[in-house]
Amino acid sequence: MRVITRKIKEAFEQGKSLKIGNTETDGNRVWLFGNLIIQRQEDTGKVWATLAGWNTPTTRERVNGIAGLGVYQKDFSPMLAGQEIDPGAWFVCC
């Protein structure tokens, strides 16, 4: 896990705000290059994640490192649990 991802994950889990380079959290949401990629539902506490349409190594690394989603790439397509996914769709993490 990259240092930025680890620090943003810690802040997100503690409900604190932090901005490092291209990644930012307010404690309930995480943005990468201004795109919302992770959010916590306030009423249920469930964490949702998306690639926000960007199937890039950095986006996958942030989503996997912070939310533990497990997205990977196969033949240039984003995959989750062995199935191709829409890079703009939201998935519940926990």
PDB file of N, CA and C in Angstrom:
ATOM      1  N   MET A   1       0.843  -1.174   0.000  1.00  0.00           N
ATOM      2  CA  MET A   1       0.000   0.000   0.000  1.00  0.00           C
ATOM      3  C   MET A   1       0.891   1.241   0.000  1.00  0.00           C
ATOM      4  N   ARG A   2       0.540   2.169  -0.847  1.00  0.00           N
ATOM      5  CA  ARG A   2       1.300   3.414  -0.927  1.00  0.00           C
ATOM      6  C   ARG A   2       1.112   4.246   0.346  1.00  0.00           C
ATOM      7  N   VAL A   3       2.106   5.070   0.653  1.00  0.00           N
ATOM      8  CA  VAL A   3       2.076   5.902   1.861  1.00  0.00           C
ATOM      9  C   VAL A   3       0.855   6.823   1.856  1.00  0.00           C
ATOM     10  N   ILE A   4       0.562   7.449   0.723  1.00  0.00           N
ATOM     11  CA  ILE A   4      -0.600   8.340   0.631  1.00  0.00           C
ATOM     12  C   ILE A   4      -1.875   7.570   0.952  1.00  0.00           C
ATOM     13  N   THR A   5      -2.017   6.396   0.373  1.00  0.00           N
ATOM     14  CA  THR A   5      -3.211   5.580   0.607  1.00  0.00           C
ATOM     15  C   THR A   5      -3.342   5.229   2.078  1.00  0.00           C
ATOM     16  N   ARG A   6      -2.255   4.831   2.706  1.00  0.00           N
ATOM     17  CA  ARG A   6      -2.286   4.448   4.122  1.00  0.00           C
ATOM     18  C   ARG A   6      -2.719   5.628   4.992  1.00  0.00           C
ATOM     19  N   LYS A   7      -2.163   6.810   4.737  1.00  0.00           N
ATOM     20  CA  LYS A   7      -2.490   7.986   5.544  1.00  0.00           C
ATOM     21  C   LYS A   7      -3.935   8.439   5.332  1.00  0.00           C
ATOM     22  N   ILE A   8      -4.403   8.419   4.088  1.00  0.00           N
ATOM     23  CA  ILE A   8      -5.787   8.789   3.798  1.00  0.00           C
ATOM     24  C   ILE A   8      -6.731   7.760   4.422  1.00  0.00           C
ATOM     25  N   LYS A   9      -6.383   6.491   4.350  1.00  0.00           N
ATOM     26  CA  LYS A   9      -7.203   5.434   4.959  1.00  0.00           C
ATOM     27  C   LYS A   9      -7.333   5.661   6.460  1.00  0.00           C
ATOM     28  N   GLU A  10      -6.237   5.963   7.131  1.00  0.00           N
ATOM     29  CA  GLU A  10      -6.272   6.215   8.573  1.00  0.00           C
ATOM     30  C   GLU A  10      -7.188   7.392   8.896  1.00  0.00           C
ATOM     31  N   ALA A  11      -7.066   8.473   8.138  1.00  0.00           N
ATOM     32  CA  ALA A  11      -7.915   9.646   8.371  1.00  0.00           C
ATOM     33  C   ALA A  11      -9.381   9.309   8.115  1.00  0.00           C
ATOM     34  N   PHE A  12      -9.670   8.599   7.033  1.00  0.00           N
ATOM     35  CA  PHE A  12     -11.040   8.205   6.688  1.00  0.00           C
ATOM     36  C   PHE A  12     -11.637   7.347   7.800  1.00  0.00           C
ATOM     37  N   GLU A  13     -10.886   6.371   8.287  1.00  0.00           N
ATOM     38  CA  GLU A  13     -11.373   5.485   9.344  1.00  0.00           C
ATOM     39  C   GLU A  13     -11.609   6.232  10.657  1.00  0.00           C
ATOM     40  N   GLN A  14     -10.847   7.285  10.893  1.00  0.00           N
ATOM     41  CA  GLN A  14     -10.992   8.075  12.116  1.00  0.00           C
ATOM     42  C   GLN A  14     -11.984   9.231  11.954  1.00  0.00           C
ATOM     43  N   GLY A  15     -12.518   9.385  10.746  1.00  0.00           N
ATOM     44  CA  GLY A  15     -13.473  10.464  10.489  1.00  0.00           C
ATOM     45  C   GLY A  15     -12.841  11.837  10.450  1.00  0.00           C
ATOM     46  N   LYS A  16     -11.560  11.894  10.069  1.00  0.00           N
ATOM     47  CA  LYS A  16     -10.826  13.164  10.032  1.00  0.00           C
ATOM     48  C   LYS A  16     -10.579  13.619   8.592  1.00  0.00           C
ATOM     49  N   SER A  17     -10.415  14.913   8.427  1.00  0.00           N
ATOM     50  CA  SER A  17     -10.097  15.487   7.113  1.00  0.00           C
ATOM     51  C   SER A  17      -8.593  15.432   6.875  1.00  0.00           C
ATOM     52  N   LEU A  18      -8.215  15.180   5.614  1.00  0.00           N
ATOM     53  CA  LEU A  18      -6.803  15.167   5.232  1.00  0.00           C
ATOM     54  C   LEU A  18      -6.713  15.289   3.718  1.00  0.00           C
ATOM     55  N   LYS A  19      -5.745  16.071   3.271  1.00  0.00           N
ATOM     56  CA  LYS A  19      -5.465  16.187   1.833  1.00  0.00           C
ATOM     57  C   LYS A  19      -3.978  15.965   1.634  1.00  0.00           C
ATOM     58  N   ILE A  20      -3.671  15.006   0.756  1.00  0.00           N
ATOM     59  CA  ILE A  20      -2.285  14.733   0.394  1.00  0.00           C
ATOM     60  C   ILE A  20      -2.225  14.626  -1.124  1.00  0.00           C
ATOM     61  N   GLY A  21      -1.549  15.557  -1.745  1.00  0.00           N
ATOM     62  CA  GLY A  21      -1.404  15.529  -3.203  1.00  0.00           C
ATOM     63  C   GLY A  21      -2.751  15.523  -3.893  1.00  0.00           C
ATOM     64  N   ASN A  22      -3.012  14.464  -4.665  1.00  0.00           N
ATOM     65  CA  ASN A  22      -4.227  14.380  -5.474  1.00  0.00           C
ATOM     66  C   ASN A  22      -5.375  13.664  -4.763  1.00  0.00           C
ATOM     67  N   THR A  23      -5.185  13.291  -3.496  1.00  0.00           N
ATOM     68  CA  THR A  23      -6.185  12.528  -2.753  1.00  0.00           C
ATOM     69  C   THR A  23      -6.617  13.304  -1.519  1.00  0.00           C
ATOM     70  N   GLU A  24      -7.923  13.295  -1.256  1.00  0.00           N
ATOM     71  CA  GLU A  24      -8.469  14.084  -0.153  1.00  0.00           C
ATOM     72  C   GLU A  24      -9.627  13.338   0.503  1.00  0.00           C
ATOM     73  N   THR A  25      -9.750  13.474   1.825  1.00  0.00           N
ATOM     74  CA  THR A  25     -10.905  12.945   2.546  1.00  0.00           C
ATOM     75  C   THR A  25     -11.427  13.991   3.517  1.00  0.00           C
ATOM     76  N   ASP A  26     -12.738  13.942   3.734  1.00  0.00           N
ATOM     77  CA  ASP A  26     -13.343  14.773   4.773  1.00  0.00           C
ATOM     78  C   ASP A  26     -13.751  13.905   5.960  1.00  0.00           C
ATOM     79  N   GLY A  27     -13.328  12.656   5.943  1.00  0.00           N
ATOM     80  CA  GLY A  27     -13.663  11.708   6.999  1.00  0.00           C
ATOM     81  C   GLY A  27     -14.848  10.829   6.669  1.00  0.00           C
ATOM     82  N   ASN A  28     -15.649  11.224   5.679  1.00  0.00           N
ATOM     83  CA  ASN A  28     -16.789  10.427   5.228  1.00  0.00           C
ATOM     84  C   ASN A  28     -16.747  10.115   3.740  1.00  0.00           C
ATOM     85  N   ARG A  29     -15.932  10.858   3.009  1.00  0.00           N
ATOM     86  CA  ARG A  29     -15.787  10.663   1.566  1.00  0.00           C
ATOM     87  C   ARG A  29     -14.309  10.791   1.194  1.00  0.00           C
ATOM     88  N   VAL A  30     -13.948  10.157   0.064  1.00  0.00           N
ATOM     89  CA  VAL A  30     -12.585  10.260  -0.444  1.00  0.00           C
ATOM     90  C   VAL A  30     -12.658  10.641  -1.915  1.00  0.00           C
ATOM     91  N   TRP A  31     -11.841  11.617  -2.297  1.00  0.00           N
ATOM     92  CA  TRP A  31     -11.762  12.067  -3.684  1.00  0.00           C
ATOM     93  C   TRP A  31     -10.357  11.819  -4.218  1.00  0.00           C
ATOM     94  N   LEU A  32     -10.265  11.473  -5.474  1.00  0.00           N
ATOM     95  CA  LEU A  32      -9.000  11.347  -6.188  1.00  0.00           C
ATOM     96  C   LEU A  32      -9.108  12.223  -7.424  1.00  0.00           C
ATOM     97  N   PHE A  33      -8.223  13.194  -7.554  1.00  0.00           N
ATOM     98  CA  PHE A  33      -8.280  14.173  -8.646  1.00  0.00           C
ATOM     99  C   PHE A  33      -9.660  14.814  -8.749  1.00  0.00           C
ATOM    100  N   GLY A  34     -10.315  15.050  -7.606  1.00  0.00           N
ATOM    101  CA  GLY A  34     -11.623  15.691  -7.578  1.00  0.00           C
ATOM    102  C   GLY A  34     -12.796  14.774  -7.839  1.00  0.00           C
ATOM    103  N   ASN A  35     -12.537  13.501  -8.122  1.00  0.00           N
ATOM    104  CA  ASN A  35     -13.603  12.529  -8.369  1.00  0.00           C
ATOM    105  C   ASN A  35     -13.901  11.761  -7.086  1.00  0.00           C
ATOM    106  N   LEU A  36     -15.158  11.722  -6.697  1.00  0.00           N
ATOM    107  CA  LEU A  36     -15.563  10.966  -5.512  1.00  0.00           C
ATOM    108  C   LEU A  36     -15.402   9.480  -5.796  1.00  0.00           C
ATOM    109  N   ILE A  37     -14.576   8.785  -5.002  1.00  0.00           N
ATOM    110  CA  ILE A  37     -14.341   7.355  -5.224  1.00  0.00           C
ATOM    111  C   ILE A  37     -14.798   6.483  -4.055  1.00  0.00           C
ATOM    112  N   ILE A  38     -14.934   7.067  -2.867  1.00  0.00           N
ATOM    113  CA  ILE A  38     -15.355   6.309  -1.687  1.00  0.00           C
ATOM    114  C   ILE A  38     -16.248   7.187  -0.839  1.00  0.00           C
ATOM    115  N   GLN A  39     -17.319   6.580  -0.301  1.00  0.00           N
ATOM    116  CA  GLN A  39     -18.165   7.321   0.622  1.00  0.00           C
ATOM    117  C   GLN A  39     -18.777   6.385   1.653  1.00  0.00           C
ATOM    118  N   ARG A  40     -18.967   6.921   2.842  1.00  0.00           N
ATOM    119  CA  ARG A  40     -19.595   6.170   3.929  1.00  0.00           C
ATOM    120  C   ARG A  40     -21.022   6.675   4.081  1.00  0.00           C
ATOM    121  N   GLN A  41     -21.990   5.753   4.083  1.00  0.00           N
ATOM    122  CA  GLN A  41     -23.378   6.121   4.323  1.00  0.00           C
ATOM    123  C   GLN A  41     -23.518   6.459   5.794  1.00  0.00           C
ATOM    124  N   GLU A  42     -23.989   7.652   6.081  1.00  0.00           N
ATOM    125  CA  GLU A  42     -24.079   8.101   7.467  1.00  0.00           C
ATOM    126  C   GLU A  42     -25.083   7.291   8.283  1.00  0.00           C
ATOM    127  N   ASP A  43     -26.194   6.881   7.667  1.00  0.00           N
ATOM    128  CA  ASP A  43     -27.225   6.171   8.427  1.00  0.00           C
ATOM    129  C   ASP A  43     -26.881   4.705   8.702  1.00  0.00           C
ATOM    130  N   THR A  44     -26.149   4.053   7.792  1.00  0.00           N
ATOM    131  CA  THR A  44     -25.828   2.627   7.975  1.00  0.00           C
ATOM    132  C   THR A  44     -24.360   2.371   8.286  1.00  0.00           C
ATOM    133  N   GLY A  45     -23.503   3.326   7.947  1.00  0.00           N
ATOM    134  CA  GLY A  45     -22.070   3.132   8.151  1.00  0.00           C
ATOM    135  C   GLY A  45     -21.413   2.301   7.059  1.00  0.00           C
ATOM    136  N   LYS A  46     -22.199   1.850   6.067  1.00  0.00           N
ATOM    137  CA  LYS A  46     -21.635   1.066   4.965  1.00  0.00           C
ATOM    138  C   LYS A  46     -20.744   1.947   4.099  1.00  0.00           C
ATOM    139  N   VAL A  47     -19.688   1.337   3.589  1.00  0.00           N
ATOM    140  CA  VAL A  47     -18.743   2.040   2.727  1.00  0.00           C
ATOM    141  C   VAL A  47     -18.963   1.586   1.287  1.00  0.00           C
ATOM    142  N   TRP A  48     -19.088   2.557   0.393  1.00  0.00           N
ATOM    143  CA  TRP A  48     -19.290   2.317  -1.032  1.00  0.00           C
ATOM    144  C   TRP A  48     -18.085   2.855  -1.793  1.00  0.00           C
ATOM    145  N   ALA A  49     -17.744   2.203  -2.898  1.00  0.00           N
ATOM    146  CA  ALA A  49     -16.602   2.646  -3.699  1.00  0.00           C
ATOM    147  C   ALA A  49     -16.908   2.526  -5.186  1.00  0.00           C
ATOM    148  N   THR A  50     -16.222   3.346  -5.965  1.00  0.00           N
ATOM    149  CA  THR A  50     -16.341   3.340  -7.422  1.00  0.00           C
ATOM    150  C   THR A  50     -15.000   3.739  -8.018  1.00  0.00           C
ATOM    151  N   LEU A  51     -14.792   3.356  -9.254  1.00  0.00           N
ATOM    152  CA  LEU A  51     -13.618   3.832  -9.988  1.00  0.00           C
ATOM    153  C   LEU A  51     -13.905   5.186 -10.621  1.00  0.00           C
ATOM    154  N   ALA A  52     -15.121   5.675 -10.480  1.00  0.00           N
ATOM    155  CA  ALA A  52     -15.548   6.974 -11.015  1.00  0.00           C
ATOM    156  C   ALA A  52     -15.275   7.093 -12.512  1.00  0.00           C
ATOM    157  N   GLY A  53     -15.350   5.963 -13.206  1.00  0.00           N
ATOM    158  CA  GLY A  53     -15.126   5.962 -14.647  1.00  0.00           C
ATOM    159  C   GLY A  53     -13.663   5.885 -15.049  1.00  0.00           C
ATOM    160  N   TRP A  54     -12.754   5.835 -14.077  1.00  0.00           N
ATOM    161  CA  TRP A  54     -11.318   5.842 -14.342  1.00  0.00           C
ATOM    162  C   TRP A  54     -10.685   4.524 -13.903  1.00  0.00           C
ATOM    163  N   ASN A  55     -10.548   3.587 -14.818  1.00  0.00           N
ATOM    164  CA  ASN A  55      -9.914   2.301 -14.525  1.00  0.00           C
ATOM    165  C   ASN A  55      -8.393   2.455 -14.634  1.00  0.00           C
ATOM    166  N   THR A  56      -7.820   3.183 -13.685  1.00  0.00           N
ATOM    167  CA  THR A  56      -6.375   3.419 -13.686  1.00  0.00           C
ATOM    168  C   THR A  56      -5.737   2.692 -12.515  1.00  0.00           C
ATOM    169  N   PRO A  57      -4.437   2.425 -12.595  1.00  0.00           N
ATOM    170  CA  PRO A  57      -3.758   1.778 -11.463  1.00  0.00           C
ATOM    171  C   PRO A  57      -3.901   2.563 -10.157  1.00  0.00           C
ATOM    172  N   THR A  58      -3.829   3.890 -10.220  1.00  0.00           N
ATOM    173  CA  THR A  58      -3.937   4.693  -9.003  1.00  0.00           C
ATOM    174  C   THR A  58      -5.338   4.610  -8.413  1.00  0.00           C
ATOM    175  N   THR A  59      -6.363   4.706  -9.250  1.00  0.00           N
ATOM    176  CA  THR A  59      -7.734   4.623  -8.744  1.00  0.00           C
ATOM    177  C   THR A  59      -7.984   3.251  -8.127  1.00  0.00           C
ATOM    178  N   ARG A  60      -7.591   2.184  -8.804  1.00  0.00           N
ATOM    179  CA  ARG A  60      -7.768   0.839  -8.242  1.00  0.00           C
ATOM    180  C   ARG A  60      -7.012   0.679  -6.929  1.00  0.00           C
ATOM    181  N   GLU A  61      -5.797   1.226  -6.864  1.00  0.00           N
ATOM    182  CA  GLU A  61      -4.994   1.102  -5.647  1.00  0.00           C
ATOM    183  C   GLU A  61      -5.648   1.836  -4.485  1.00  0.00           C
ATOM    184  N   ARG A  62      -6.182   3.033  -4.715  1.00  0.00           N
ATOM    185  CA  ARG A  62      -6.842   3.791  -3.647  1.00  0.00           C
ATOM    186  C   ARG A  62      -8.100   3.065  -3.175  1.00  0.00           C
ATOM    187  N   VAL A  63      -8.932   2.626  -4.112  1.00  0.00           N
ATOM    188  CA  VAL A  63     -10.176   1.923  -3.763  1.00  0.00           C
ATOM    189  C   VAL A  63      -9.868   0.633  -3.000  1.00  0.00           C
ATOM    190  N   ASN A  64      -8.911  -0.121  -3.474  1.00  0.00           N
ATOM    191  CA  ASN A  64      -8.569  -1.379  -2.810  1.00  0.00           C
ATOM    192  C   ASN A  64      -7.914  -1.144  -1.456  1.00  0.00           C
ATOM    193  N   GLY A  65      -7.021  -0.178  -1.386  1.00  0.00           N
ATOM    194  CA  GLY A  65      -6.303   0.082  -0.146  1.00  0.00           C
ATOM    195  C   GLY A  65      -7.167   0.684   0.942  1.00  0.00           C
ATOM    196  N   ILE A  66      -8.077   1.579   0.576  1.00  0.00           N
ATOM    197  CA  ILE A  66      -8.900   2.265   1.566  1.00  0.00           C
ATOM    198  C   ILE A  66     -10.172   1.483   1.875  1.00  0.00           C
ATOM    199  N   ALA A  67     -10.832   0.978   0.856  1.00  0.00           N
ATOM    200  CA  ALA A  67     -12.120   0.306   1.055  1.00  0.00           C
ATOM    201  C   ALA A  67     -12.015  -1.213   1.029  1.00  0.00           C
ATOM    202  N   GLY A  68     -10.871  -1.745   0.595  1.00  0.00           N
ATOM    203  CA  GLY A  68     -10.693  -3.191   0.550  1.00  0.00           C
ATOM    204  C   GLY A  68     -11.577  -3.885  -0.466  1.00  0.00           C
ATOM    205  N   LEU A  69     -11.853  -3.213  -1.574  1.00  0.00           N
ATOM    206  CA  LEU A  69     -12.805  -3.741  -2.552  1.00  0.00           C
ATOM    207  C   LEU A  69     -12.272  -4.933  -3.347  1.00  0.00           C
ATOM    208  N   GLY A  70     -11.037  -4.916  -3.784  1.00  0.00           N
ATOM    209  CA  GLY A  70     -10.476  -6.032  -4.550  1.00  0.00           C
ATOM    210  C   GLY A  70     -10.661  -5.928  -6.048  1.00  0.00           C
ATOM    211  N   VAL A  71     -10.657  -4.709  -6.579  1.00  0.00           N
ATOM    212  CA  VAL A  71     -10.783  -4.496  -8.022  1.00  0.00           C
ATOM    213  C   VAL A  71      -9.422  -4.737  -8.673  1.00  0.00           C
ATOM    214  N   TYR A  72      -9.434  -5.399  -9.830  1.00  0.00           N
ATOM    215  CA  TYR A  72      -8.215  -5.628 -10.591  1.00  0.00           C
ATOM    216  C   TYR A  72      -8.537  -5.484 -12.074  1.00  0.00           C
ATOM    217  N   GLN A  73      -7.515  -5.555 -12.892  1.00  0.00           N
ATOM    218  CA  GLN A  73      -7.703  -5.410 -14.333  1.00  0.00           C
ATOM    219  C   GLN A  73      -7.323  -6.706 -15.040  1.00  0.00           C
ATOM    220  N   LYS A  74      -8.126  -7.094 -16.011  1.00  0.00           N
ATOM    221  CA  LYS A  74      -7.839  -8.260 -16.853  1.00  0.00           C
ATOM    222  C   LYS A  74      -8.227  -7.886 -18.280  1.00  0.00           C
ATOM    223  N   ASP A  75      -7.293  -8.032 -19.202  1.00  0.00           N
ATOM    224  CA  ASP A  75      -7.538  -7.676 -20.607  1.00  0.00           C
ATOM    225  C   ASP A  75      -8.105  -6.262 -20.735  1.00  0.00           C
ATOM    226  N   PHE A  76      -7.532  -5.325 -19.991  1.00  0.00           N
ATOM    227  CA  PHE A  76      -7.881  -3.904 -20.014  1.00  0.00           C
ATOM    228  C   PHE A  76      -9.264  -3.584 -19.433  1.00  0.00           C
ATOM    229  N   SER A  77      -9.918  -4.559 -18.809  1.00  0.00           N
ATOM    230  CA  SER A  77     -11.241  -4.341 -18.218  1.00  0.00           C
ATOM    231  C   SER A  77     -11.162  -4.449 -16.702  1.00  0.00           C
ATOM    232  N   PRO A  78     -11.899  -3.590 -15.986  1.00  0.00           N
ATOM    233  CA  PRO A  78     -11.916  -3.709 -14.529  1.00  0.00           C
ATOM    234  C   PRO A  78     -12.728  -4.937 -14.117  1.00  0.00           C
ATOM    235  N   MET A  79     -12.227  -5.637 -13.122  1.00  0.00           N
ATOM    236  CA  MET A  79     -12.844  -6.882 -12.668  1.00  0.00           C
ATOM    237  C   MET A  79     -13.034  -6.838 -11.151  1.00  0.00           C
ATOM    238  N   LEU A  80     -14.074  -7.515 -10.701  1.00  0.00           N
ATOM    239  CA  LEU A  80     -14.336  -7.671  -9.277  1.00  0.00           C
ATOM    240  C   LEU A  80     -14.950  -9.052  -9.090  1.00  0.00           C
ATOM    241  N   ALA A  81     -14.345  -9.856  -8.240  1.00  0.00           N
ATOM    242  CA  ALA A  81     -14.829 -11.215  -7.961  1.00  0.00           C
ATOM    243  C   ALA A  81     -14.995 -12.031  -9.244  1.00  0.00           C
ATOM    244  N   GLY A  82     -14.060 -11.860 -10.180  1.00  0.00           N
ATOM    245  CA  GLY A  82     -14.072 -12.633 -11.417  1.00  0.00           C
ATOM    246  C   GLY A  82     -15.030 -12.149 -12.479  1.00  0.00           C
ATOM    247  N   GLN A  83     -15.725 -11.038 -12.234  1.00  0.00           N
ATOM    248  CA  GLN A  83     -16.693 -10.514 -13.184  1.00  0.00           C
ATOM    249  C   GLN A  83     -16.277  -9.119 -13.648  1.00  0.00           C
ATOM    250  N   GLU A  84     -16.463  -8.848 -14.931  1.00  0.00           N
ATOM    251  CA  GLU A  84     -16.194  -7.511 -15.442  1.00  0.00           C
ATOM    252  C   GLU A  84     -17.207  -6.538 -14.849  1.00  0.00           C
ATOM    253  N   ILE A  85     -16.743  -5.353 -14.479  1.00  0.00           N
ATOM    254  CA  ILE A  85     -17.624  -4.359 -13.870  1.00  0.00           C
ATOM    255  C   ILE A  85     -17.626  -3.064 -14.676  1.00  0.00           C
ATOM    256  N   ASP A  86     -18.658  -2.292 -14.470  1.00  0.00           N
ATOM    257  CA  ASP A  86     -18.759  -0.952 -15.039  1.00  0.00           C
ATOM    258  C   ASP A  86     -17.879  -0.045 -14.177  1.00  0.00           C
ATOM    259  N   PRO A  87     -16.880   0.632 -14.766  1.00  0.00           N
ATOM    260  CA  PRO A  87     -15.994   1.471 -13.957  1.00  0.00           C
ATOM    261  C   PRO A  87     -16.693   2.678 -13.339  1.00  0.00           C
ATOM    262  N   GLY A  88     -17.917   2.959 -13.729  1.00  0.00           N
ATOM    263  CA  GLY A  88     -18.654   4.067 -13.149  1.00  0.00           C
ATOM    264  C   GLY A  88     -19.661   3.631 -12.078  1.00  0.00           C
ATOM    265  N   ALA A  89     -19.801   2.320 -11.873  1.00  0.00           N
ATOM    266  CA  ALA A  89     -20.769   1.813 -10.908  1.00  0.00           C
ATOM    267  C   ALA A  89     -20.237   1.877  -9.477  1.00  0.00           C
ATOM    268  N   TRP A  90     -21.149   1.916  -8.517  1.00  0.00           N
ATOM    269  CA  TRP A  90     -20.807   1.925  -7.091  1.00  0.00           C
ATOM    270  C   TRP A  90     -20.997   0.517  -6.533  1.00  0.00           C
ATOM    271  N   PHE A  91     -20.077   0.126  -5.646  1.00  0.00           N
ATOM    272  CA  PHE A  91     -20.127  -1.185  -5.013  1.00  0.00           C
ATOM    273  C   PHE A  91     -19.973  -1.036  -3.508  1.00  0.00           C
ATOM    274  N   VAL A  92     -20.781  -1.814  -2.764  1.00  0.00           N
ATOM    275  CA  VAL A  92     -20.685  -1.772  -1.306  1.00  0.00           C
ATOM    276  C   VAL A  92     -19.472  -2.586  -0.871  1.00  0.00           C
ATOM    277  N   CYS A  93     -18.736  -2.044   0.069  1.00  0.00           N
ATOM    278  CA  CYS A  93     -17.502  -2.682   0.526  1.00  0.00           C
ATOM    279  C   CYS A  93     -17.696  -3.418   1.842  1.00  0.00           C
ATOM    280  N   CYS A  94     -18.289  -2.737   2.796  1.00  0.00           N
ATOM    281  CA  CYS A  94     -18.438  -3.353   4.120  1.00  0.00           C
ATOM    282  C   CYS A  94     -19.578  -2.711   4.883  1.00  0.00           C
TER     283      CYS A  94
END
